[in-house]
């Protein structure tokens, strides 16, 4: 894929800057959300996640017309699509399922308005508790998983950390896909310019 070095360096610099800017914006938003009650935290943070996933799916399809379709399907269905497209791992899909299950229960049950994550954790049986480090994680590697004791004492912080990492990865993936499309278009333009220089007679009218 022929691209002038200066153009490639410029694109890479802009991509890195864009990833940093967008990631910082979403992490700050997540931090603000985390200062509220647990009910609001779960509802709002999942809204941020779903919006980020939607942007990634649109970028992957490279067609804004798919936005209406992706907007209509559930978060679970969006996550399934990302898994099938290998844009997220099965472990990340498991984390999204964990969050989605809690969010759906809160959204459809007005009695959960005073939802508390620590109290929720305390209602889990021993087998469900043992699964928490496998559910609140982006990595399948055991050494990267959060400690169960930490999760039990700081469930909101555990979810915040894991979600912040996931959002960062999704944003980076979206940017890379968009820039790849831009690089492809730039390569076509560069190829045309090179061909015109090498064989100008082919472009003579």
N, C-alpha and C. Protein backbone atom coordinates (compact mmCIF):
# COMPACT_ATOMS: atom_id res chain seq x y z
N UNK A 1 0.86 -1.19 0.00
CA UNK A 1 0.00 0.00 0.00
C UNK A 1 0.90 1.24 0.00
N UNK A 2 1.11 1.86 -1.17
CA UNK A 2 2.02 3.01 -1.25
C UNK A 2 1.43 4.28 -0.63
N UNK A 3 2.18 4.82 0.35
CA UNK A 3 1.78 6.06 1.00
C UNK A 3 3.05 6.86 1.28
N UNK A 4 3.00 8.14 1.02
CA UNK A 4 4.16 8.97 1.30
C UNK A 4 4.44 8.95 2.79
N UNK A 5 5.73 8.90 3.16
CA UNK A 5 6.13 8.79 4.56
C UNK A 5 5.56 9.92 5.41
N UNK A 6 5.60 11.14 4.89
CA UNK A 6 5.10 12.29 5.66
C UNK A 6 3.61 12.17 5.91
N UNK A 7 2.87 11.63 4.93
CA UNK A 7 1.42 11.46 5.11
C UNK A 7 1.12 10.39 6.16
N UNK A 8 1.92 9.30 6.12
CA UNK A 8 1.72 8.22 7.09
C UNK A 8 2.03 8.69 8.51
N UNK A 9 3.12 9.42 8.66
CA UNK A 9 3.50 9.94 9.99
C UNK A 9 2.44 10.88 10.53
N UNK A 10 1.88 11.70 9.65
CA UNK A 10 0.83 12.64 10.06
C UNK A 10 -0.41 11.89 10.52
N UNK A 11 -0.79 10.85 9.76
CA UNK A 11 -1.97 10.06 10.11
C UNK A 11 -1.78 9.34 11.44
N UNK A 12 -0.61 8.79 11.65
CA UNK A 12 -0.33 8.07 12.90
C UNK A 12 -0.39 9.02 14.09
N UNK A 13 0.18 10.19 13.93
CA UNK A 13 0.17 11.18 15.00
C UNK A 13 -1.25 11.61 15.34
N UNK A 14 -2.05 11.87 14.31
CA UNK A 14 -3.44 12.28 14.51
C UNK A 14 -4.26 11.17 15.16
N UNK A 15 -3.97 9.92 14.78
CA UNK A 15 -4.69 8.78 15.34
C UNK A 15 -4.42 8.65 16.83
N UNK A 16 -3.16 8.73 17.21
CA UNK A 16 -2.77 8.62 18.63
C UNK A 16 -3.39 9.75 19.44
N UNK A 17 -3.35 10.96 18.90
CA UNK A 17 -3.92 12.11 19.60
C UNK A 17 -5.43 11.96 19.77
N UNK A 18 -6.09 11.46 18.73
CA UNK A 18 -7.54 11.27 18.77
C UNK A 18 -7.93 10.21 19.80
N UNK A 19 -7.17 9.10 19.84
CA UNK A 19 -7.45 8.04 20.80
C UNK A 19 -7.31 8.56 22.22
N UNK A 20 -6.23 9.30 22.48
CA UNK A 20 -6.00 9.87 23.81
C UNK A 20 -7.12 10.82 24.22
N UNK A 21 -7.52 11.68 23.29
CA UNK A 21 -8.55 12.69 23.57
C UNK A 21 -9.90 12.03 23.86
N UNK A 22 -10.31 11.10 23.01
CA UNK A 22 -11.61 10.45 23.17
C UNK A 22 -11.65 9.55 24.40
N UNK A 23 -10.54 8.86 24.66
CA UNK A 23 -10.48 8.00 25.83
C UNK A 23 -10.56 8.82 27.11
N UNK A 24 -9.81 9.92 27.14
CA UNK A 24 -9.81 10.80 28.30
C UNK A 24 -11.21 11.34 28.57
N UNK A 25 -11.92 11.70 27.52
CA UNK A 25 -13.27 12.25 27.66
C UNK A 25 -14.22 11.23 28.28
N UNK A 26 -14.15 9.97 27.80
CA UNK A 26 -15.07 8.95 28.31
C UNK A 26 -14.71 8.51 29.72
N UNK A 27 -13.41 8.46 30.03
CA UNK A 27 -12.99 8.07 31.38
C UNK A 27 -13.43 9.13 32.39
N UNK A 28 -13.31 10.40 32.00
CA UNK A 28 -13.76 11.48 32.87
C UNK A 28 -15.27 11.40 33.08
N UNK A 29 -16.00 11.10 32.01
CA UNK A 29 -17.45 10.96 32.13
C UNK A 29 -17.80 9.80 33.07
N UNK A 30 -17.08 8.70 32.94
CA UNK A 30 -17.30 7.54 33.80
C UNK A 30 -16.99 7.87 35.26
N UNK A 31 -15.98 8.68 35.47
CA UNK A 31 -15.60 9.08 36.83
C UNK A 31 -16.71 9.91 37.48
N UNK A 32 -17.29 10.81 36.71
CA UNK A 32 -18.40 11.64 37.21
C UNK A 32 -19.59 10.76 37.56
N UNK A 33 -19.89 9.81 36.67
CA UNK A 33 -21.01 8.90 36.90
C UNK A 33 -20.81 8.07 38.16
N UNK A 34 -19.57 7.66 38.42
CA UNK A 34 -19.28 6.80 39.57
C UNK A 34 -19.51 7.49 40.90
N UNK A 35 -19.59 8.82 40.89
CA UNK A 35 -19.79 9.56 42.14
C UNK A 35 -21.25 9.55 42.59
N UNK A 36 -22.13 9.10 41.70
CA UNK A 36 -23.54 9.03 42.06
C UNK A 36 -23.88 7.73 42.76
N UNK A 37 -25.16 7.50 42.98
CA UNK A 37 -25.59 6.26 43.63
C UNK A 37 -25.38 5.07 42.69
N UNK A 38 -25.44 3.88 43.24
CA UNK A 38 -25.14 2.67 42.47
C UNK A 38 -26.14 2.42 41.35
N UNK A 39 -27.40 2.75 41.57
CA UNK A 39 -28.43 2.57 40.52
C UNK A 39 -28.08 3.43 39.32
N UNK A 40 -27.79 4.70 39.56
CA UNK A 40 -27.44 5.62 38.47
C UNK A 40 -26.14 5.19 37.79
N UNK A 41 -25.19 4.73 38.59
CA UNK A 41 -23.91 4.30 38.04
C UNK A 41 -24.09 3.17 37.03
N UNK A 42 -24.89 2.17 37.38
CA UNK A 42 -25.09 1.03 36.49
C UNK A 42 -25.87 1.43 35.23
N UNK A 43 -26.90 2.22 35.40
CA UNK A 43 -27.72 2.63 34.25
C UNK A 43 -26.92 3.52 33.29
N UNK A 44 -26.27 4.54 33.84
CA UNK A 44 -25.55 5.51 33.01
C UNK A 44 -24.27 4.94 32.40
N UNK A 45 -23.54 4.15 33.17
CA UNK A 45 -22.29 3.59 32.63
C UNK A 45 -22.57 2.62 31.49
N UNK A 46 -23.69 1.90 31.60
CA UNK A 46 -24.06 0.99 30.51
C UNK A 46 -24.50 1.75 29.28
N UNK A 47 -25.09 2.93 29.48
CA UNK A 47 -25.46 3.78 28.35
C UNK A 47 -24.20 4.26 27.62
N UNK A 48 -23.18 4.60 28.38
CA UNK A 48 -21.90 5.01 27.78
C UNK A 48 -21.29 3.85 27.01
N UNK A 49 -21.31 2.67 27.61
CA UNK A 49 -20.76 1.48 26.95
C UNK A 49 -21.50 1.18 25.65
N UNK A 50 -22.83 1.22 25.70
CA UNK A 50 -23.62 0.90 24.51
C UNK A 50 -23.37 1.91 23.39
N UNK A 51 -23.22 3.18 23.75
CA UNK A 51 -22.94 4.21 22.76
C UNK A 51 -21.58 3.97 22.10
N UNK A 52 -20.60 3.57 22.90
CA UNK A 52 -19.25 3.30 22.39
C UNK A 52 -19.26 2.09 21.46
N UNK A 53 -20.02 1.06 21.84
CA UNK A 53 -20.14 -0.14 21.01
C UNK A 53 -20.82 0.19 19.69
N UNK A 54 -21.84 1.04 19.73
CA UNK A 54 -22.56 1.45 18.53
C UNK A 54 -21.60 2.13 17.54
N UNK A 55 -20.75 3.01 18.04
CA UNK A 55 -19.79 3.70 17.18
C UNK A 55 -18.82 2.72 16.53
N UNK A 56 -18.41 1.71 17.28
CA UNK A 56 -17.50 0.71 16.74
C UNK A 56 -18.16 -0.11 15.63
N UNK A 57 -19.41 -0.50 15.84
CA UNK A 57 -20.13 -1.28 14.83
C UNK A 57 -20.33 -0.48 13.55
N UNK A 58 -20.64 0.80 13.69
CA UNK A 58 -20.83 1.66 12.51
C UNK A 58 -19.51 1.82 11.77
N UNK A 59 -18.42 2.00 12.53
CA UNK A 59 -17.10 2.14 11.91
C UNK A 59 -16.74 0.87 11.14
N UNK A 60 -17.03 -0.27 11.75
CA UNK A 60 -16.69 -1.55 11.11
C UNK A 60 -17.49 -1.76 9.83
N UNK A 61 -18.74 -1.37 9.84
CA UNK A 61 -19.58 -1.53 8.65
C UNK A 61 -19.24 -0.50 7.58
N UNK A 62 -18.62 0.62 8.00
CA UNK A 62 -18.25 1.70 7.07
C UNK A 62 -19.46 2.21 6.31
N UNK A 63 -20.60 2.23 7.00
CA UNK A 63 -21.83 2.69 6.36
C UNK A 63 -22.76 3.24 7.44
N UNK A 64 -22.94 4.56 7.47
CA UNK A 64 -23.76 5.21 8.49
C UNK A 64 -25.21 4.76 8.44
N UNK A 65 -25.62 4.17 7.31
CA UNK A 65 -27.00 3.71 7.18
C UNK A 65 -27.32 2.57 8.14
N UNK A 66 -26.30 1.89 8.64
CA UNK A 66 -26.51 0.79 9.58
C UNK A 66 -26.82 1.30 10.99
N UNK A 67 -26.67 2.59 11.22
CA UNK A 67 -26.86 3.13 12.57
C UNK A 67 -28.25 2.83 13.11
N UNK A 68 -29.29 3.00 12.27
CA UNK A 68 -30.67 2.75 12.73
C UNK A 68 -30.84 1.29 13.14
N UNK A 69 -30.27 0.38 12.36
CA UNK A 69 -30.39 -1.04 12.67
C UNK A 69 -29.68 -1.37 13.97
N UNK A 70 -28.43 -0.91 14.10
CA UNK A 70 -27.66 -1.20 15.32
C UNK A 70 -28.29 -0.55 16.55
N UNK A 71 -28.94 0.59 16.36
CA UNK A 71 -29.56 1.29 17.49
C UNK A 71 -30.77 0.52 18.01
N UNK A 72 -31.43 -0.22 17.13
CA UNK A 72 -32.65 -0.94 17.51
C UNK A 72 -32.37 -2.22 18.29
N UNK A 73 -31.24 -2.86 18.02
CA UNK A 73 -30.97 -4.15 18.65
C UNK A 73 -30.44 -3.95 20.08
N UNK A 74 -30.58 -4.96 20.89
CA UNK A 74 -30.20 -4.86 22.31
C UNK A 74 -28.68 -4.81 22.48
N UNK A 75 -28.26 -4.44 23.68
CA UNK A 75 -26.84 -4.42 24.00
C UNK A 75 -26.25 -5.82 23.85
N UNK A 76 -27.01 -6.81 24.28
CA UNK A 76 -26.55 -8.19 24.18
C UNK A 76 -26.31 -8.60 22.73
N UNK A 77 -27.22 -8.18 21.85
CA UNK A 77 -27.07 -8.49 20.43
C UNK A 77 -25.89 -7.74 19.81
N UNK A 78 -25.70 -6.50 20.25
CA UNK A 78 -24.54 -5.74 19.77
C UNK A 78 -23.25 -6.43 20.19
N UNK A 79 -23.21 -6.89 21.45
CA UNK A 79 -22.02 -7.56 21.96
C UNK A 79 -21.77 -8.87 21.21
N UNK A 80 -22.85 -9.57 20.86
CA UNK A 80 -22.70 -10.81 20.08
C UNK A 80 -22.07 -10.51 18.73
N UNK A 81 -22.50 -9.43 18.11
CA UNK A 81 -21.94 -9.03 16.81
C UNK A 81 -20.44 -8.73 16.94
N UNK A 82 -20.08 -8.00 18.00
CA UNK A 82 -18.67 -7.67 18.21
C UNK A 82 -17.84 -8.94 18.41
N UNK A 83 -18.42 -9.91 19.12
CA UNK A 83 -17.72 -11.19 19.34
C UNK A 83 -17.54 -11.93 18.03
N UNK A 84 -18.61 -12.00 17.23
CA UNK A 84 -18.55 -12.69 15.94
C UNK A 84 -17.54 -12.04 15.00
N UNK A 85 -17.43 -10.71 15.10
CA UNK A 85 -16.49 -9.96 14.25
C UNK A 85 -15.08 -9.95 14.84
N UNK A 86 -14.94 -10.60 16.00
CA UNK A 86 -13.65 -10.69 16.71
C UNK A 86 -13.11 -9.30 17.09
N UNK A 87 -14.04 -8.42 17.45
CA UNK A 87 -13.66 -7.08 17.90
C UNK A 87 -13.57 -7.03 19.43
N UNK A 88 -14.17 -8.01 20.08
CA UNK A 88 -13.99 -8.19 21.53
C UNK A 88 -13.78 -9.68 21.78
N UNK A 89 -13.17 -9.99 22.92
CA UNK A 89 -12.92 -11.38 23.27
C UNK A 89 -14.15 -11.99 23.96
N UNK A 90 -14.14 -13.30 24.09
CA UNK A 90 -15.24 -13.97 24.80
C UNK A 90 -15.27 -13.54 26.26
N UNK A 91 -14.10 -13.25 26.81
CA UNK A 91 -14.02 -12.78 28.19
C UNK A 91 -14.68 -11.42 28.33
N UNK A 92 -14.44 -10.53 27.39
CA UNK A 92 -15.07 -9.21 27.41
C UNK A 92 -16.57 -9.33 27.19
N UNK A 93 -16.96 -10.28 26.38
CA UNK A 93 -18.39 -10.52 26.17
C UNK A 93 -19.03 -10.97 27.48
N UNK A 94 -18.32 -11.77 28.25
CA UNK A 94 -18.80 -12.25 29.55
C UNK A 94 -19.01 -11.07 30.51
N UNK A 95 -18.08 -10.13 30.49
CA UNK A 95 -18.19 -8.95 31.35
C UNK A 95 -19.40 -8.10 30.97
N UNK A 96 -19.60 -7.92 29.68
CA UNK A 96 -20.75 -7.14 29.21
C UNK A 96 -22.05 -7.83 29.62
N UNK A 97 -22.09 -9.15 29.54
CA UNK A 97 -23.28 -9.90 29.95
C UNK A 97 -23.57 -9.70 31.44
N UNK A 98 -22.50 -9.70 32.24
CA UNK A 98 -22.64 -9.49 33.68
C UNK A 98 -23.26 -8.13 33.97
N UNK A 99 -22.74 -7.10 33.31
CA UNK A 99 -23.26 -5.74 33.51
C UNK A 99 -24.69 -5.62 32.99
N UNK A 100 -24.92 -6.18 31.83
CA UNK A 100 -26.23 -6.09 31.19
C UNK A 100 -27.33 -6.75 32.03
N UNK A 101 -26.99 -7.87 32.65
CA UNK A 101 -27.96 -8.58 33.49
C UNK A 101 -28.41 -7.70 34.65
N UNK A 102 -27.44 -7.05 35.30
CA UNK A 102 -27.76 -6.16 36.42
C UNK A 102 -28.57 -4.96 35.92
N UNK A 103 -28.10 -4.35 34.84
CA UNK A 103 -28.76 -3.15 34.30
C UNK A 103 -30.21 -3.45 33.93
N UNK A 104 -30.44 -4.55 33.27
CA UNK A 104 -31.80 -4.90 32.84
C UNK A 104 -32.73 -5.10 34.03
N UNK A 105 -32.22 -5.70 35.08
CA UNK A 105 -33.02 -5.89 36.29
C UNK A 105 -33.39 -4.55 36.92
N UNK A 106 -32.45 -3.62 36.93
CA UNK A 106 -32.69 -2.30 37.51
C UNK A 106 -33.67 -1.49 36.66
N UNK A 107 -33.49 -1.58 35.35
CA UNK A 107 -34.32 -0.79 34.44
C UNK A 107 -35.78 -1.22 34.43
N UNK A 108 -36.03 -2.49 34.73
CA UNK A 108 -37.39 -3.01 34.65
C UNK A 108 -38.02 -3.27 36.01
N UNK A 109 -37.33 -2.84 37.07
CA UNK A 109 -37.86 -3.06 38.41
C UNK A 109 -37.75 -1.78 39.23
N UNK A 110 -38.85 -1.02 39.31
CA UNK A 110 -38.82 0.26 40.04
C UNK A 110 -38.46 0.12 41.52
N UNK A 111 -38.62 -1.07 42.07
CA UNK A 111 -38.29 -1.29 43.48
C UNK A 111 -36.78 -1.29 43.72
N UNK A 112 -36.01 -1.35 42.62
CA UNK A 112 -34.54 -1.39 42.73
C UNK A 112 -33.91 0.00 42.69
N UNK A 113 -34.72 1.04 42.85
CA UNK A 113 -34.22 2.41 42.76
C UNK A 113 -33.11 2.69 43.78
N UNK A 114 -33.14 1.98 44.90
CA UNK A 114 -32.12 2.14 45.95
C UNK A 114 -31.07 1.03 45.88
N UNK A 115 -30.88 0.51 44.70
CA UNK A 115 -29.92 -0.59 44.49
C UNK A 115 -28.54 -0.25 45.04
N UNK A 116 -27.95 -1.25 45.71
CA UNK A 116 -26.62 -1.09 46.30
C UNK A 116 -25.76 -2.28 45.86
N UNK A 117 -24.62 -2.00 45.26
CA UNK A 117 -23.78 -3.07 44.72
C UNK A 117 -23.24 -4.01 45.81
N UNK A 118 -22.87 -3.45 46.94
CA UNK A 118 -22.36 -4.30 48.02
C UNK A 118 -23.43 -5.25 48.54
N UNK A 119 -24.66 -4.72 48.66
CA UNK A 119 -25.76 -5.57 49.12
C UNK A 119 -26.07 -6.63 48.07
N UNK A 120 -25.95 -6.25 46.80
CA UNK A 120 -26.18 -7.21 45.71
C UNK A 120 -25.16 -8.35 45.79
N UNK A 121 -23.89 -7.99 46.00
CA UNK A 121 -22.83 -8.99 46.11
C UNK A 121 -23.11 -9.94 47.27
N UNK A 122 -23.64 -9.40 48.37
CA UNK A 122 -23.91 -10.20 49.57
C UNK A 122 -25.06 -11.20 49.37
N UNK A 123 -25.87 -10.98 48.32
CA UNK A 123 -26.99 -11.89 48.06
C UNK A 123 -26.55 -13.10 47.22
N UNK A 124 -25.34 -13.04 46.67
CA UNK A 124 -24.86 -14.12 45.82
C UNK A 124 -24.44 -15.32 46.65
N UNK A 125 -24.67 -16.53 46.10
CA UNK A 125 -24.22 -17.72 46.81
C UNK A 125 -22.73 -17.92 46.57
N UNK A 126 -22.14 -18.90 47.22
CA UNK A 126 -20.69 -19.08 47.17
C UNK A 126 -20.16 -19.36 45.77
N UNK A 127 -20.93 -20.10 44.98
CA UNK A 127 -20.51 -20.40 43.60
C UNK A 127 -20.55 -19.14 42.73
N UNK A 128 -21.58 -18.31 42.93
CA UNK A 128 -21.68 -17.06 42.18
C UNK A 128 -20.56 -16.10 42.56
N UNK A 129 -20.21 -16.09 43.84
CA UNK A 129 -19.12 -15.23 44.31
C UNK A 129 -17.80 -15.64 43.67
N UNK A 130 -17.56 -16.93 43.59
CA UNK A 130 -16.31 -17.44 43.01
C UNK A 130 -16.17 -17.04 41.54
N UNK A 131 -17.31 -16.82 40.88
CA UNK A 131 -17.29 -16.48 39.46
C UNK A 131 -17.03 -14.99 39.19
N UNK A 132 -17.13 -14.17 40.23
CA UNK A 132 -16.99 -12.72 40.03
C UNK A 132 -15.67 -12.31 39.38
N UNK A 133 -14.51 -12.86 39.81
CA UNK A 133 -13.26 -12.47 39.15
C UNK A 133 -13.23 -12.83 37.66
N UNK A 134 -14.00 -13.86 37.28
CA UNK A 134 -14.07 -14.26 35.87
C UNK A 134 -15.07 -13.41 35.09
N UNK A 135 -15.99 -12.78 35.79
CA UNK A 135 -17.00 -11.96 35.13
C UNK A 135 -16.58 -10.49 35.04
N UNK A 136 -15.94 -10.01 36.10
CA UNK A 136 -15.50 -8.61 36.11
C UNK A 136 -14.04 -8.56 35.69
N UNK A 137 -13.82 -8.80 34.40
CA UNK A 137 -12.46 -8.86 33.87
C UNK A 137 -12.47 -8.72 32.35
N UNK A 138 -11.38 -8.17 31.81
CA UNK A 138 -11.19 -8.10 30.37
C UNK A 138 -10.24 -9.19 29.87
N UNK A 139 -9.56 -9.82 30.82
CA UNK A 139 -8.53 -10.78 30.46
C UNK A 139 -8.86 -12.19 30.94
N UNK A 140 -8.46 -13.18 30.16
CA UNK A 140 -8.65 -14.56 30.55
C UNK A 140 -7.47 -15.06 31.38
N UNK A 141 -6.42 -14.26 31.43
CA UNK A 141 -5.23 -14.62 32.20
C UNK A 141 -5.52 -14.42 33.69
N UNK A 142 -5.35 -15.45 34.48
CA UNK A 142 -5.66 -15.41 35.90
C UNK A 142 -4.90 -14.32 36.64
N UNK A 143 -3.65 -14.08 36.25
CA UNK A 143 -2.83 -13.09 36.97
C UNK A 143 -3.32 -11.66 36.73
N UNK A 144 -4.14 -11.47 35.70
CA UNK A 144 -4.66 -10.13 35.41
C UNK A 144 -6.02 -9.86 36.04
N UNK A 145 -6.61 -10.88 36.62
CA UNK A 145 -7.95 -10.74 37.20
C UNK A 145 -7.90 -10.06 38.58
N UNK A 146 -8.96 -9.36 38.89
CA UNK A 146 -9.05 -8.71 40.21
C UNK A 146 -9.30 -9.76 41.29
N UNK A 147 -8.78 -9.49 42.46
CA UNK A 147 -8.95 -10.39 43.59
C UNK A 147 -10.40 -10.36 44.09
N UNK A 148 -10.93 -11.51 44.45
CA UNK A 148 -12.31 -11.61 44.92
C UNK A 148 -12.55 -10.74 46.14
N UNK A 149 -11.59 -10.72 47.05
CA UNK A 149 -11.73 -9.90 48.25
C UNK A 149 -11.87 -8.43 47.89
N UNK A 150 -11.08 -7.98 46.92
CA UNK A 150 -11.17 -6.59 46.46
C UNK A 150 -12.53 -6.30 45.85
N UNK A 151 -13.02 -7.23 45.03
CA UNK A 151 -14.32 -7.05 44.38
C UNK A 151 -15.44 -6.95 45.41
N UNK A 152 -15.40 -7.81 46.42
CA UNK A 152 -16.44 -7.83 47.45
C UNK A 152 -16.45 -6.53 48.25
N UNK A 153 -15.26 -6.00 48.52
CA UNK A 153 -15.16 -4.77 49.31
C UNK A 153 -15.41 -3.52 48.45
N UNK A 154 -15.05 -3.60 47.17
CA UNK A 154 -15.15 -2.42 46.29
C UNK A 154 -15.78 -2.78 44.95
N UNK A 155 -17.04 -3.26 44.96
CA UNK A 155 -17.66 -3.70 43.69
C UNK A 155 -17.77 -2.59 42.65
N UNK A 156 -18.10 -1.36 43.08
CA UNK A 156 -18.23 -0.26 42.12
C UNK A 156 -16.87 0.06 41.50
N UNK A 157 -15.84 0.10 42.33
CA UNK A 157 -14.49 0.39 41.84
C UNK A 157 -14.01 -0.71 40.89
N UNK A 158 -14.32 -1.95 41.22
CA UNK A 158 -13.92 -3.09 40.38
C UNK A 158 -14.57 -2.99 39.01
N UNK A 159 -15.86 -2.67 38.99
CA UNK A 159 -16.58 -2.51 37.72
C UNK A 159 -16.04 -1.30 36.97
N UNK A 160 -15.79 -0.21 37.68
CA UNK A 160 -15.28 1.02 37.05
C UNK A 160 -13.95 0.76 36.37
N UNK A 161 -13.02 0.10 37.05
CA UNK A 161 -11.70 -0.19 36.49
C UNK A 161 -11.82 -1.04 35.22
N UNK A 162 -12.60 -2.11 35.32
CA UNK A 162 -12.75 -3.03 34.19
C UNK A 162 -13.46 -2.37 33.02
N UNK A 163 -14.48 -1.57 33.32
CA UNK A 163 -15.23 -0.88 32.27
C UNK A 163 -14.37 0.20 31.61
N UNK A 164 -13.57 0.90 32.40
CA UNK A 164 -12.70 1.94 31.84
C UNK A 164 -11.71 1.34 30.86
N UNK A 165 -11.16 0.19 31.18
CA UNK A 165 -10.23 -0.50 30.29
C UNK A 165 -10.95 -0.92 29.01
N UNK A 166 -12.14 -1.49 29.16
CA UNK A 166 -12.91 -1.94 27.99
C UNK A 166 -13.25 -0.77 27.07
N UNK A 167 -13.69 0.34 27.65
CA UNK A 167 -14.02 1.52 26.85
C UNK A 167 -12.80 2.01 26.09
N UNK A 168 -11.64 2.01 26.75
CA UNK A 168 -10.40 2.45 26.11
C UNK A 168 -10.07 1.58 24.90
N UNK A 169 -10.24 0.28 25.06
CA UNK A 169 -9.96 -0.66 23.97
C UNK A 169 -10.94 -0.49 22.80
N UNK A 170 -12.21 -0.29 23.13
CA UNK A 170 -13.23 -0.10 22.09
C UNK A 170 -13.00 1.19 21.31
N UNK A 171 -12.64 2.25 22.02
CA UNK A 171 -12.36 3.53 21.38
C UNK A 171 -11.16 3.42 20.45
N UNK A 172 -10.11 2.76 20.94
CA UNK A 172 -8.90 2.58 20.13
C UNK A 172 -9.21 1.76 18.88
N UNK A 173 -10.01 0.72 19.04
CA UNK A 173 -10.38 -0.14 17.90
C UNK A 173 -11.17 0.65 16.87
N UNK A 174 -12.09 1.48 17.34
CA UNK A 174 -12.89 2.31 16.44
C UNK A 174 -12.01 3.27 15.65
N UNK A 175 -11.09 3.92 16.34
CA UNK A 175 -10.18 4.87 15.68
C UNK A 175 -9.31 4.17 14.65
N UNK A 176 -8.79 3.01 14.98
CA UNK A 176 -7.92 2.29 14.06
C UNK A 176 -8.66 1.86 12.80
N UNK A 177 -9.91 1.43 12.97
CA UNK A 177 -10.72 1.04 11.82
C UNK A 177 -10.97 2.24 10.92
N UNK A 178 -11.34 3.37 11.53
CA UNK A 178 -11.61 4.58 10.75
C UNK A 178 -10.36 5.06 10.03
N UNK A 179 -9.22 5.00 10.71
CA UNK A 179 -7.97 5.46 10.09
C UNK A 179 -7.50 4.49 9.00
N UNK A 180 -7.82 3.21 9.17
CA UNK A 180 -7.46 2.24 8.14
C UNK A 180 -8.18 2.55 6.83
N UNK A 181 -9.45 2.94 6.96
CA UNK A 181 -10.23 3.33 5.78
C UNK A 181 -9.62 4.57 5.14
N UNK A 182 -9.24 5.54 5.98
CA UNK A 182 -8.61 6.77 5.48
C UNK A 182 -7.28 6.46 4.79
N UNK A 183 -6.51 5.54 5.37
CA UNK A 183 -5.23 5.16 4.79
C UNK A 183 -5.40 4.46 3.44
N UNK A 184 -6.45 3.65 3.33
CA UNK A 184 -6.73 2.97 2.07
C UNK A 184 -7.04 4.00 0.98
N UNK A 185 -7.87 5.00 1.33
CA UNK A 185 -8.19 6.06 0.36
C UNK A 185 -6.96 6.88 0.00
N UNK A 186 -6.10 7.11 1.01
CA UNK A 186 -4.87 7.86 0.77
C UNK A 186 -3.92 7.06 -0.12
N UNK A 187 -3.89 5.74 0.08
CA UNK A 187 -3.03 4.88 -0.74
C UNK A 187 -3.47 4.90 -2.20
N UNK A 188 -4.78 4.91 -2.41
CA UNK A 188 -5.30 4.97 -3.78
C UNK A 188 -4.88 6.28 -4.45
N UNK A 189 -5.00 7.37 -3.69
CA UNK A 189 -4.61 8.69 -4.20
C UNK A 189 -3.11 8.72 -4.50
N UNK A 190 -2.30 8.18 -3.59
CA UNK A 190 -0.85 8.15 -3.78
C UNK A 190 -0.47 7.31 -4.99
N UNK A 191 -1.14 6.17 -5.16
CA UNK A 191 -0.88 5.29 -6.31
C UNK A 191 -1.15 6.02 -7.62
N UNK A 192 -2.25 6.74 -7.66
CA UNK A 192 -2.60 7.50 -8.86
C UNK A 192 -1.55 8.54 -9.18
N UNK A 193 -1.07 9.22 -8.15
CA UNK A 193 -0.04 10.25 -8.34
C UNK A 193 1.26 9.64 -8.85
N UNK A 194 1.63 8.47 -8.30
CA UNK A 194 2.86 7.80 -8.72
C UNK A 194 2.76 7.31 -10.16
N UNK A 195 1.60 6.75 -10.48
CA UNK A 195 1.40 6.25 -11.84
C UNK A 195 1.45 7.39 -12.85
N UNK A 196 0.88 8.52 -12.49
CA UNK A 196 0.91 9.68 -13.38
C UNK A 196 2.34 10.15 -13.63
N UNK A 197 3.19 10.04 -12.60
CA UNK A 197 4.60 10.46 -12.74
C UNK A 197 5.38 9.45 -13.59
N UNK A 198 5.08 8.16 -13.38
CA UNK A 198 5.81 7.11 -14.08
C UNK A 198 5.36 6.97 -15.54
N UNK A 199 4.05 7.06 -15.72
CA UNK A 199 3.51 6.88 -17.09
C UNK A 199 2.50 7.97 -17.40
N UNK A 200 2.95 9.22 -17.54
CA UNK A 200 2.03 10.34 -17.79
C UNK A 200 1.25 10.19 -19.09
N UNK A 201 1.87 9.44 -20.04
CA UNK A 201 1.19 9.28 -21.34
C UNK A 201 -0.11 8.52 -21.23
N UNK A 202 -0.23 7.71 -20.15
CA UNK A 202 -1.45 6.92 -19.97
C UNK A 202 -2.62 7.80 -19.54
N UNK A 203 -2.31 9.02 -19.07
CA UNK A 203 -3.35 9.94 -18.62
C UNK A 203 -3.60 11.08 -19.59
N UNK A 204 -2.84 11.05 -20.71
CA UNK A 204 -3.00 12.11 -21.72
C UNK A 204 -4.30 11.92 -22.45
N UNK A 205 -4.98 13.01 -22.70
CA UNK A 205 -6.28 12.92 -23.39
C UNK A 205 -6.07 12.81 -24.88
